């Protein structure tokens, strides 16, 4: 069976240079927590890595947003599903890989520092981040993109310090998931069916949701839910989902230098040409034309 470490269509990765990492280890902020590697692998067919304890020189966070995979520590293999994350401890021999039939899409970070163990402790098992009313999955992934983009812009002192402080926030949102969710909770009336469905769509913007999955989430039959949703929004649920995906694509076209095929993968389009057709139909211009337009 084919097994590969990297080389997936739409993948992105940054590996910090060794001298930069050494500087961070001796920095008053970097010594506490810092990133050594960071990346995103969409639909990573045949992804597989195996390391000895000597090779595991950092903590490794894996966050699966779609598909399935597995990881093994101390000879115990555990299954990883959509919306699961886990952290492999530093100095632990391990292996992990993507499911052969339903390959995972993962965000990953290698990190270290004096406080790294604190954030990783107890998270060496699959932990579910379920899309719920106050789950804030979309915000967390935008924070990941912010860290990635900051490092992509170079290793200036300000960029490195901002990536570190953002990493504290990112890891804290996982370590203290309940507090992270509840910090924005209010005493307002619960959302109506359409609002709940839109929230679910946004939290799963990177997946290829079906009408049944959305209607099951809000607890209605597909036909009754579609009627309620269209009455409230003026659009069918899947049409509205498509608009949300294009809105997300516009965000990345405006504020990142991601390639169009990378953006396509991130929002759940397997075929970048199909994505371009939907984008053009929705926005009246192709993704490349949209990106080149002056805005504001």
Foldseek 3Di string as FASTA:
>chain_A
DDADADDAVLKDKDADDPVLLVVLCVDPLSQAKFFGMWIKHFLDARYKDWDALVRQAFKKKKAWQAWKKWKDWPRDIAIEHHQWMAIDHRSTTMMMAADNVTGTIIIMTTMDHPCRCVLRPPRHHIDHQDQFDQSCQLVLVVLSVVLVQLVVVDDDPVSRNVSSVSVVVSSCCVSPVVCNSCVPDDPDDDDDLLVRLVSVLSNSQLADDDLCVSCVSSPHPSVVSQVVNCVVPVDGSVVVSLVVLLVQLLVCLAPHPRDQSSSCNRRHHNDSVVNQVSNCVVVVDGSVVSSPDDDD
